[in-house]
Amino acid sequence: MTGPVLAGRTPAVHLDERGQAQAAAVADRLAVLPLAAVVTSPLERCAETARAVTRAQKAAGRTVPQRSDRRLLECDYGDWTGRRIDSLAKDPLWPVVQSHPSGVRFPGGESMAAMAERAVRAVRDLDASVGERSGPEALWVACSHGDVIKAILADALGMHLDLFQRLVVDPCSVSAVRYTAGRPFVLSTNDTAGELSRFLPPPPAKGAAGRRRTSSDATVGGGAGAGAV
C-alpha cells in the first residue's frame, strides 16, 4: 500500500502489512484456478503480489512460470510522483485527469493515452501468447496497477478512455476478461471476495479433437450462466 502519497514508479515501494495480507488473500482465492502464467509489472509491490500467487499455485501442486513485462508498469506520473494526493487535488491538472484523461500528459512523465495503449497491447499480446502455448481456455494472471487495469477494462468494455474514471479497481481485486477473435468479454470487475471457481474452463466436449476455438458469439438472452451444460 502507498497510503496518501502517489507512489507511481518510485522504486523500492513494498507491500506493507495490510498489502501483504491482501496479496495472500487474493492468492488463496486464485489457487482454485490452474494458471498457465503469472505476468507482473516490474515494480516491487506488484512482483510481491505475483510471488504470493505463484506460491499459492505451488501449494496447490502446480508450478507456474512468473515473469515481468515493462508494458504493465504503472503510469509514469512524472513530477507528480511522490507528492501527496491531497496536494495534487489542488493542482490545475487534477480536474482534467478526472474529466478528460485522454488529453492528459503528466509534467515530466507519460500521457494517459500512451499508458492505455501500451497496457492494452501488452494484455492482448500476452493472452495470444498464452493461448498459443497452453490452449484457448488457458487462464493466466496479470499483476498491475489501478489506472493500468482501469484502462484495460475500459478497452474491453468499448469505453472511451475519458470514461475510465467511472471504474473502480481496489488493491488485490480480481477483474477477468476473456479475449476472443471477435471481441473481449468482461466476466468480472473489482471482485474482492467472490469465489473464483466459476472461471474454471469447461470440460472438453465429448468426441472433441484437438483444441477448441473460443467463440466470439454472445449468448442471446444471457444464457444459463457459468457451469451450465
C-alpha atoms as a PDB file:
ATOM      1  CA  MET A   1       0.000   0.000   0.000  1.00  0.00           C
ATOM      2  CA  THR A   2       1.225   3.509  -0.743  1.00  0.00           C
ATOM      3  CA  GLY A   3      -1.114   5.499   1.528  1.00  0.00           C
ATOM      4  CA  PRO A   4      -1.700   9.195   0.898  1.00  0.00           C
ATOM      5  CA  VAL A   5       1.265   9.588  -1.484  1.00  0.00           C
ATOM      6  CA  LEU A   6       1.240   8.918  -5.235  1.00  0.00           C
ATOM      7  CA  ALA A   7       3.969   6.263  -5.406  1.00  0.00           C
ATOM      8  CA  GLY A   8       3.921   5.935  -9.187  1.00  0.00           C
ATOM      9  CA  ARG A   9       7.187   4.379 -10.329  1.00  0.00           C
ATOM     10  CA  THR A  10       9.076   5.171  -7.138  1.00  0.00           C
ATOM     11  CA  PRO A  11      11.476   2.229  -6.637  1.00  0.00           C
ATOM     12  CA  ALA A  12      11.557   0.032  -3.543  1.00  0.00           C
ATOM     13  CA  VAL A  13       7.936   0.646  -2.526  1.00  0.00           C
ATOM     14  CA  HIS A  14       6.990  -2.643  -0.896  1.00  0.00           C
ATOM     15  CA  LEU A  15       3.713  -4.035   0.355  1.00  0.00           C
ATOM     16  CA  ASP A  16       3.026  -3.068   3.939  1.00  0.00           C
ATOM     17  CA  GLU A  17       1.398  -5.459   6.404  1.00  0.00           C
ATOM     18  CA  ARG A  18      -2.084  -4.768   5.071  1.00  0.00           C
ATOM     19  CA  GLY A  19      -0.916  -5.151   1.474  1.00  0.00           C
ATOM     20  CA  GLN A  20       0.764  -8.465   2.278  1.00  0.00           C
ATOM     21  CA  ALA A  21      -2.485  -9.717   3.798  1.00  0.00           C
ATOM     22  CA  GLN A  22      -4.430  -8.606   0.703  1.00  0.00           C
ATOM     23  CA  ALA A  23      -1.919 -10.325  -1.595  1.00  0.00           C
ATOM     24  CA  ALA A  24      -2.122 -13.539   0.416  1.00  0.00           C
ATOM     25  CA  ALA A  25      -5.926 -13.423   0.320  1.00  0.00           C
ATOM     26  CA  VAL A  26      -6.165 -12.978  -3.443  1.00  0.00           C
ATOM     27  CA  ALA A  27      -3.504 -15.661  -3.959  1.00  0.00           C
ATOM     28  CA  ASP A  28      -5.565 -18.109  -1.899  1.00  0.00           C
ATOM     29  CA  ARG A  29      -8.662 -17.257  -3.928  1.00  0.00           C
ATOM     30  CA  LEU A  30      -6.795 -17.786  -7.203  1.00  0.00           C
ATOM     31  CA  ALA A  31      -5.373 -21.132  -6.040  1.00  0.00           C
ATOM     32  CA  VAL A  32      -8.569 -22.865  -7.181  1.00  0.00           C
ATOM     33  CA  LEU A  33      -7.674 -21.964 -10.786  1.00  0.00           C
ATOM     34  CA  PRO A  34      -4.979 -23.815 -12.787  1.00  0.00           C
ATOM     35  CA  LEU A  35      -2.975 -20.843 -14.019  1.00  0.00           C
ATOM     36  CA  ALA A  36      -0.788 -21.122 -17.096  1.00  0.00           C
ATOM     37  CA  ALA A  37       1.274 -17.996 -16.329  1.00  0.00           C
ATOM     38  CA  VAL A  38       1.680 -15.054 -13.988  1.00  0.00           C
ATOM     39  CA  VAL A  39       2.936 -11.817 -15.565  1.00  0.00           C
ATOM     40  CA  THR A  40       3.686  -8.778 -13.444  1.00  0.00           C
ATOM     41  CA  SER A  41       4.703  -5.162 -13.560  1.00  0.00           C
ATOM     42  CA  PRO A  42       8.385  -4.993 -12.549  1.00  0.00           C
ATOM     43  CA  LEU A  43       7.615  -2.705  -9.592  1.00  0.00           C
ATOM     44  CA  GLU A  44       8.209  -4.370  -6.235  1.00  0.00           C
ATOM     45  CA  ARG A  45       4.671  -4.139  -4.892  1.00  0.00           C
ATOM     46  CA  CYS A  46       3.278  -5.963  -7.934  1.00  0.00           C
ATOM     47  CA  ALA A  47       6.104  -8.510  -8.049  1.00  0.00           C
ATOM     48  CA  GLU A  48       5.459  -9.326  -4.383  1.00  0.00           C
ATOM     49  CA  THR A  49       1.785  -9.912  -5.130  1.00  0.00           C
ATOM     50  CA  ALA A  50       2.703 -12.111  -8.099  1.00  0.00           C
ATOM     51  CA  ARG A  51       5.056 -14.172  -5.929  1.00  0.00           C
ATOM     52  CA  ALA A  52       2.224 -14.753  -3.455  1.00  0.00           C
ATOM     53  CA  VAL A  53       0.099 -16.052  -6.345  1.00  0.00           C
ATOM     54  CA  THR A  54       2.803 -18.415  -7.610  1.00  0.00           C
ATOM     55  CA  ARG A  55       3.446 -19.698  -4.063  1.00  0.00           C
ATOM     56  CA  ALA A  56      -0.254 -20.482  -3.658  1.00  0.00           C
ATOM     57  CA  GLN A  57      -0.241 -22.283  -7.006  1.00  0.00           C
ATOM     58  CA  LYS A  58       2.772 -24.332  -5.880  1.00  0.00           C
ATOM     59  CA  ALA A  59       0.978 -25.217  -2.650  1.00  0.00           C
ATOM     60  CA  ALA A  60      -1.872 -26.477  -4.839  1.00  0.00           C
ATOM     61  CA  GLY A  61       0.546 -28.748  -6.706  1.00  0.00           C
ATOM     62  CA  ARG A  62       1.250 -26.542  -9.734  1.00  0.00           C
ATOM     63  CA  THR A  63       4.450 -24.902 -10.925  1.00  0.00           C
ATOM     64  CA  VAL A  64       3.515 -21.697 -12.718  1.00  0.00           C
ATOM     65  CA  PRO A  65       6.037 -19.561 -14.603  1.00  0.00           C
ATOM     66  CA  GLN A  66       6.279 -15.936 -13.478  1.00  0.00           C
ATOM     67  CA  ARG A  67       7.843 -13.117 -15.431  1.00  0.00           C
ATOM     68  CA  SER A  68       7.710  -9.342 -15.618  1.00  0.00           C
ATOM     69  CA  ASP A  69       6.669  -7.141 -18.526  1.00  0.00           C
ATOM     70  CA  ARG A  70       7.506  -3.428 -18.536  1.00  0.00           C
ATOM     71  CA  ARG A  71       4.351  -2.691 -20.504  1.00  0.00           C
ATOM     72  CA  LEU A  72       2.386  -3.433 -17.314  1.00  0.00           C
ATOM     73  CA  LEU A  73       4.268  -0.704 -15.413  1.00  0.00           C
ATOM     74  CA  GLU A  74       2.429   1.987 -13.522  1.00  0.00           C
ATOM     75  CA  CYS A  75       1.746   5.170 -15.468  1.00  0.00           C
ATOM     76  CA  ASP A  76       4.756   7.495 -15.354  1.00  0.00           C
ATOM     77  CA  TYR A  77       3.302  10.368 -13.351  1.00  0.00           C
ATOM     78  CA  GLY A  78       6.465  12.445 -13.789  1.00  0.00           C
ATOM     79  CA  ASP A  79       6.618  15.425 -11.442  1.00  0.00           C
ATOM     80  CA  TRP A  80       3.510  14.190  -9.627  1.00  0.00           C
ATOM     81  CA  THR A  81       5.394  11.131  -8.347  1.00  0.00           C
ATOM     82  CA  GLY A  82       5.957  11.152  -4.596  1.00  0.00           C
ATOM     83  CA  ARG A  83       3.544  14.021  -3.896  1.00  0.00           C
ATOM     84  CA  ARG A  84       0.620  13.797  -1.505  1.00  0.00           C
ATOM     85  CA  ILE A  85      -2.778  13.126  -3.047  1.00  0.00           C
ATOM     86  CA  ASP A  86      -4.421  15.947  -1.093  1.00  0.00           C
ATOM     87  CA  SER A  87      -1.846  18.347  -2.562  1.00  0.00           C
ATOM     88  CA  LEU A  88      -2.328  17.014  -6.094  1.00  0.00           C
ATOM     89  CA  ALA A  89      -6.097  17.529  -5.785  1.00  0.00           C
ATOM     90  CA  LYS A  90      -5.396  21.278  -5.764  1.00  0.00           C
ATOM     91  CA  ASP A  91      -3.275  21.139  -8.923  1.00  0.00           C
ATOM     92  CA  PRO A  92      -4.931  22.679 -12.035  1.00  0.00           C
ATOM     93  CA  LEU A  93      -4.296  19.407 -13.877  1.00  0.00           C
ATOM     94  CA  TRP A  94      -6.357  17.398 -11.373  1.00  0.00           C
ATOM     95  CA  PRO A  95      -9.827  18.190 -12.813  1.00  0.00           C
ATOM     96  CA  VAL A  96      -8.516  17.396 -16.292  1.00  0.00           C
ATOM     97  CA  VAL A  97      -7.326  13.993 -15.069  1.00  0.00           C
ATOM     98  CA  GLN A  98     -10.835  13.444 -13.724  1.00  0.00           C
ATOM     99  CA  SER A  99     -12.857  14.541 -16.753  1.00  0.00           C
ATOM    100  CA  HIS A 100     -10.560  14.320 -19.787  1.00  0.00           C
ATOM    101  CA  PRO A 101      -7.770  11.800 -19.034  1.00  0.00           C
ATOM    102  CA  SER A 102      -7.199  11.063 -22.719  1.00  0.00           C
ATOM    103  CA  GLY A 103      -5.828  14.591 -23.071  1.00  0.00           C
ATOM    104  CA  VAL A 104      -3.502  14.460 -20.058  1.00  0.00           C
ATOM    105  CA  ARG A 105       0.269  14.238 -20.168  1.00  0.00           C
ATOM    106  CA  PHE A 106       1.820  14.412 -16.726  1.00  0.00           C
ATOM    107  CA  PRO A 107       4.559  17.044 -16.499  1.00  0.00           C
ATOM    108  CA  GLY A 108       7.867  15.277 -16.988  1.00  0.00           C
ATOM    109  CA  GLY A 109       6.050  11.969 -17.464  1.00  0.00           C
ATOM    110  CA  GLU A 110       3.712   9.929 -19.642  1.00  0.00           C
ATOM    111  CA  SER A 111       0.360  10.630 -21.229  1.00  0.00           C
ATOM    112  CA  MET A 112      -2.566   8.535 -20.020  1.00  0.00           C
ATOM    113  CA  ALA A 113      -3.373   7.661 -23.630  1.00  0.00           C
ATOM    114  CA  ALA A 114       0.142   6.213 -24.088  1.00  0.00           C
ATOM    115  CA  MET A 115      -0.211   4.266 -20.841  1.00  0.00           C
ATOM    116  CA  ALA A 116      -3.518   2.825 -22.007  1.00  0.00           C
ATOM    117  CA  GLU A 117      -2.191   1.910 -25.451  1.00  0.00           C
ATOM    118  CA  ARG A 118       0.851   0.009 -24.152  1.00  0.00           C
ATOM    119  CA  ALA A 119      -1.138  -1.789 -21.434  1.00  0.00           C
ATOM    120  CA  VAL A 120      -3.913  -2.916 -23.762  1.00  0.00           C
ATOM    121  CA  ARG A 121      -1.396  -4.087 -26.347  1.00  0.00           C
ATOM    122  CA  ALA A 122       0.523  -5.974 -23.662  1.00  0.00           C
ATOM    123  CA  VAL A 123      -2.522  -7.844 -22.377  1.00  0.00           C
ATOM    124  CA  ARG A 124      -3.755  -8.740 -25.832  1.00  0.00           C
ATOM    125  CA  ASP A 125      -0.286  -9.908 -26.907  1.00  0.00           C
ATOM    126  CA  LEU A 126       0.229 -11.895 -23.716  1.00  0.00           C
ATOM    127  CA  ASP A 127      -3.200 -13.508 -23.979  1.00  0.00           C
ATOM    128  CA  ALA A 128      -2.484 -14.596 -27.547  1.00  0.00           C
ATOM    129  CA  SER A 129       0.899 -15.995 -26.488  1.00  0.00           C
ATOM    130  CA  VAL A 130      -0.544 -17.958 -23.563  1.00  0.00           C
ATOM    131  CA  GLY A 131      -3.328 -19.245 -25.811  1.00  0.00           C
ATOM    132  CA  GLU A 132      -0.879 -20.480 -28.437  1.00  0.00           C
ATOM    133  CA  ARG A 133       1.215 -22.245 -25.803  1.00  0.00           C
ATOM    134  CA  SER A 134      -1.449 -23.605 -23.456  1.00  0.00           C
ATOM    135  CA  GLY A 135      -4.706 -23.551 -25.419  1.00  0.00           C
ATOM    136  CA  PRO A 136      -7.591 -21.082 -25.837  1.00  0.00           C
ATOM    137  CA  GLU A 137      -9.145 -21.953 -22.469  1.00  0.00           C
ATOM    138  CA  ALA A 138      -5.922 -21.309 -20.529  1.00  0.00           C
ATOM    139  CA  LEU A 139      -6.123 -18.970 -17.544  1.00  0.00           C
ATOM    140  CA  TRP A 140      -3.371 -16.530 -16.625  1.00  0.00           C
ATOM    141  CA  VAL A 141      -2.906 -13.574 -14.293  1.00  0.00           C
ATOM    142  CA  ALA A 142      -1.518 -10.093 -14.878  1.00  0.00           C
ATOM    143  CA  CYS A 143      -0.471  -8.148 -11.767  1.00  0.00           C
ATOM    144  CA  SER A 144      -0.537  -4.426 -12.485  1.00  0.00           C
ATOM    145  CA  HIS A 145      -1.719  -1.071 -11.115  1.00  0.00           C
ATOM    146  CA  GLY A 146      -5.080   0.640 -10.674  1.00  0.00           C
ATOM    147  CA  ASP A 147      -5.035   3.090 -13.590  1.00  0.00           C
ATOM    148  CA  VAL A 148      -3.453   0.488 -15.869  1.00  0.00           C
ATOM    149  CA  ILE A 149      -6.127  -2.089 -15.050  1.00  0.00           C
ATOM    150  CA  LYS A 150      -8.879   0.506 -15.469  1.00  0.00           C
ATOM    151  CA  ALA A 151      -7.524   1.352 -18.924  1.00  0.00           C
ATOM    152  CA  ILE A 152      -7.510  -2.334 -19.910  1.00  0.00           C
ATOM    153  CA  LEU A 153     -11.085  -2.758 -18.680  1.00  0.00           C
ATOM    154  CA  ALA A 154     -12.214   0.382 -20.491  1.00  0.00           C
ATOM    155  CA  ASP A 155     -10.834  -1.024 -23.742  1.00  0.00           C
ATOM    156  CA  ALA A 156     -12.537  -4.379 -23.154  1.00  0.00           C
ATOM    157  CA  LEU A 157     -15.834  -2.617 -22.430  1.00  0.00           C
ATOM    158  CA  GLY A 158     -15.556  -0.427 -25.529  1.00  0.00           C
ATOM    159  CA  MET A 159     -15.397   2.687 -23.345  1.00  0.00           C
ATOM    160  CA  HIS A 160     -13.572   5.860 -24.296  1.00  0.00           C
ATOM    161  CA  LEU A 161     -10.622   6.491 -22.008  1.00  0.00           C
ATOM    162  CA  ASP A 162     -12.344   9.674 -20.815  1.00  0.00           C
ATOM    163  CA  LEU A 163     -14.901   7.438 -19.078  1.00  0.00           C
ATOM    164  CA  PHE A 164     -12.439   5.143 -17.326  1.00  0.00           C
ATOM    165  CA  GLN A 165     -12.654   7.073 -14.053  1.00  0.00           C
ATOM    166  CA  ARG A 166     -16.130   5.551 -13.667  1.00  0.00           C
ATOM    167  CA  LEU A 167     -14.424   2.201 -12.994  1.00  0.00           C
ATOM    168  CA  VAL A 168     -13.180   1.175  -9.552  1.00  0.00           C
ATOM    169  CA  VAL A 169     -10.205  -1.154  -9.103  1.00  0.00           C
ATOM    170  CA  ASP A 170      -9.312  -1.842  -5.479  1.00  0.00           C
ATOM    171  CA  PRO A 171      -5.961  -3.283  -4.341  1.00  0.00           C
ATOM    172  CA  CYS A 172      -5.714  -7.035  -4.953  1.00  0.00           C
ATOM    173  CA  SER A 173      -9.151  -7.195  -6.566  1.00  0.00           C
ATOM    174  CA  VAL A 174      -9.809  -9.577  -9.449  1.00  0.00           C
ATOM    175  CA  SER A 175     -11.048  -8.380 -12.824  1.00  0.00           C
ATOM    176  CA  ALA A 176     -11.490 -11.022 -15.509  1.00  0.00           C
ATOM    177  CA  VAL A 177     -11.590 -10.604 -19.293  1.00  0.00           C
ATOM    178  CA  ARG A 178     -11.897 -13.351 -21.891  1.00  0.00           C
ATOM    179  CA  TYR A 179     -10.423 -12.382 -25.244  1.00  0.00           C
ATOM    180  CA  THR A 180     -11.704 -13.915 -28.474  1.00  0.00           C
ATOM    181  CA  ALA A 181     -11.076 -13.223 -32.144  1.00  0.00           C
ATOM    182  CA  GLY A 182     -14.237 -11.151 -32.409  1.00  0.00           C
ATOM    183  CA  ARG A 183     -14.456  -9.301 -29.101  1.00  0.00           C
ATOM    184  CA  PRO A 184     -13.422  -9.390 -25.459  1.00  0.00           C
ATOM    185  CA  PHE A 185     -15.921 -10.451 -22.806  1.00  0.00           C
ATOM    186  CA  VAL A 186     -15.713  -8.767 -19.392  1.00  0.00           C
ATOM    187  CA  LEU A 187     -16.506 -11.513 -16.884  1.00  0.00           C
ATOM    188  CA  SER A 188     -15.833  -9.660 -13.637  1.00  0.00           C
ATOM    189  CA  THR A 189     -14.551  -6.348 -12.297  1.00  0.00           C
ATOM    190  CA  ASN A 190     -13.169  -5.328  -8.898  1.00  0.00           C
ATOM    191  CA  ASP A 191     -14.045  -8.665  -7.265  1.00  0.00           C
ATOM    192  CA  THR A 192     -12.585  -8.590  -3.752  1.00  0.00           C
ATOM    193  CA  ALA A 193     -14.316 -11.514  -2.081  1.00  0.00           C
ATOM    194  CA  GLY A 194     -16.118 -13.715  -4.595  1.00  0.00           C
ATOM    195  CA  GLU A 195     -15.419 -17.405  -5.155  1.00  0.00           C
ATOM    196  CA  LEU A 196     -13.441 -17.848  -8.400  1.00  0.00           C
ATOM    197  CA  SER A 197     -14.119 -21.442  -9.447  1.00  0.00           C
ATOM    198  CA  ARG A 198     -16.749 -20.065 -11.848  1.00  0.00           C
ATOM    199  CA  PHE A 199     -13.818 -19.180 -14.126  1.00  0.00           C
ATOM    200  CA  LEU A 200     -12.669 -22.784 -14.441  1.00  0.00           C
ATOM    201  CA  PRO A 201     -12.674 -23.813 -18.106  1.00  0.00           C
ATOM    202  CA  PRO A 202     -15.456 -26.231 -19.060  1.00  0.00           C
ATOM    203  CA  PRO A 203     -14.533 -29.871 -19.697  1.00  0.00           C
ATOM    204  CA  PRO A 204     -13.872 -30.779 -23.350  1.00  0.00           C
ATOM    205  CA  ALA A 205     -16.954 -31.760 -25.311  1.00  0.00           C
ATOM    206  CA  LYS A 206     -17.331 -35.483 -25.941  1.00  0.00           C
ATOM    207  CA  GLY A 207     -15.605 -36.521 -29.121  1.00  0.00           C
ATOM    208  CA  ALA A 208     -13.845 -33.192 -29.489  1.00  0.00           C
ATOM    209  CA  ALA A 209     -10.479 -33.482 -31.164  1.00  0.00           C
ATOM    210  CA  GLY A 210      -7.631 -31.075 -30.552  1.00  0.00           C
ATOM    211  CA  ARG A 211      -8.004 -27.618 -29.075  1.00  0.00           C
ATOM    212  CA  ARG A 212     -11.353 -25.868 -29.075  1.00  0.00           C
ATOM    213  CA  ARG A 213     -11.731 -22.458 -30.600  1.00  0.00           C
ATOM    214  CA  THR A 214     -13.147 -19.914 -28.166  1.00  0.00           C
ATOM    215  CA  SER A 215     -16.357 -18.487 -29.614  1.00  0.00           C
ATOM    216  CA  SER A 216     -16.821 -14.753 -30.157  1.00  0.00           C
ATOM    217  CA  ASP A 217     -20.609 -15.098 -30.097  1.00  0.00           C
ATOM    218  CA  ALA A 218     -22.595 -13.588 -27.236  1.00  0.00           C
ATOM    219  CA  THR A 219     -25.465 -15.729 -25.964  1.00  0.00           C
ATOM    220  CA  VAL A 220     -28.800 -14.138 -26.862  1.00  0.00           C
ATOM    221  CA  GLY A 221     -30.875 -13.664 -23.717  1.00  0.00           C
ATOM    222  CA  GLY A 222     -27.864 -14.008 -21.434  1.00  0.00           C
ATOM    223  CA  GLY A 223     -27.603 -17.793 -21.382  1.00  0.00           C
ATOM    224  CA  ALA A 224     -27.792 -20.127 -18.398  1.00  0.00           C
ATOM    225  CA  GLY A 225     -24.638 -18.932 -16.659  1.00  0.00           C
ATOM    226  CA  ALA A 226     -21.255 -20.471 -15.997  1.00  0.00           C
ATOM    227  CA  GLY A 227     -21.251 -24.204 -15.422  1.00  0.00           C
ATOM    228  CA  ALA A 228     -24.379 -24.877 -17.494  1.00  0.00           C
ATOM    229  CA  VAL A 229     -24.241 -27.793 -19.891  1.00  0.00           C
END
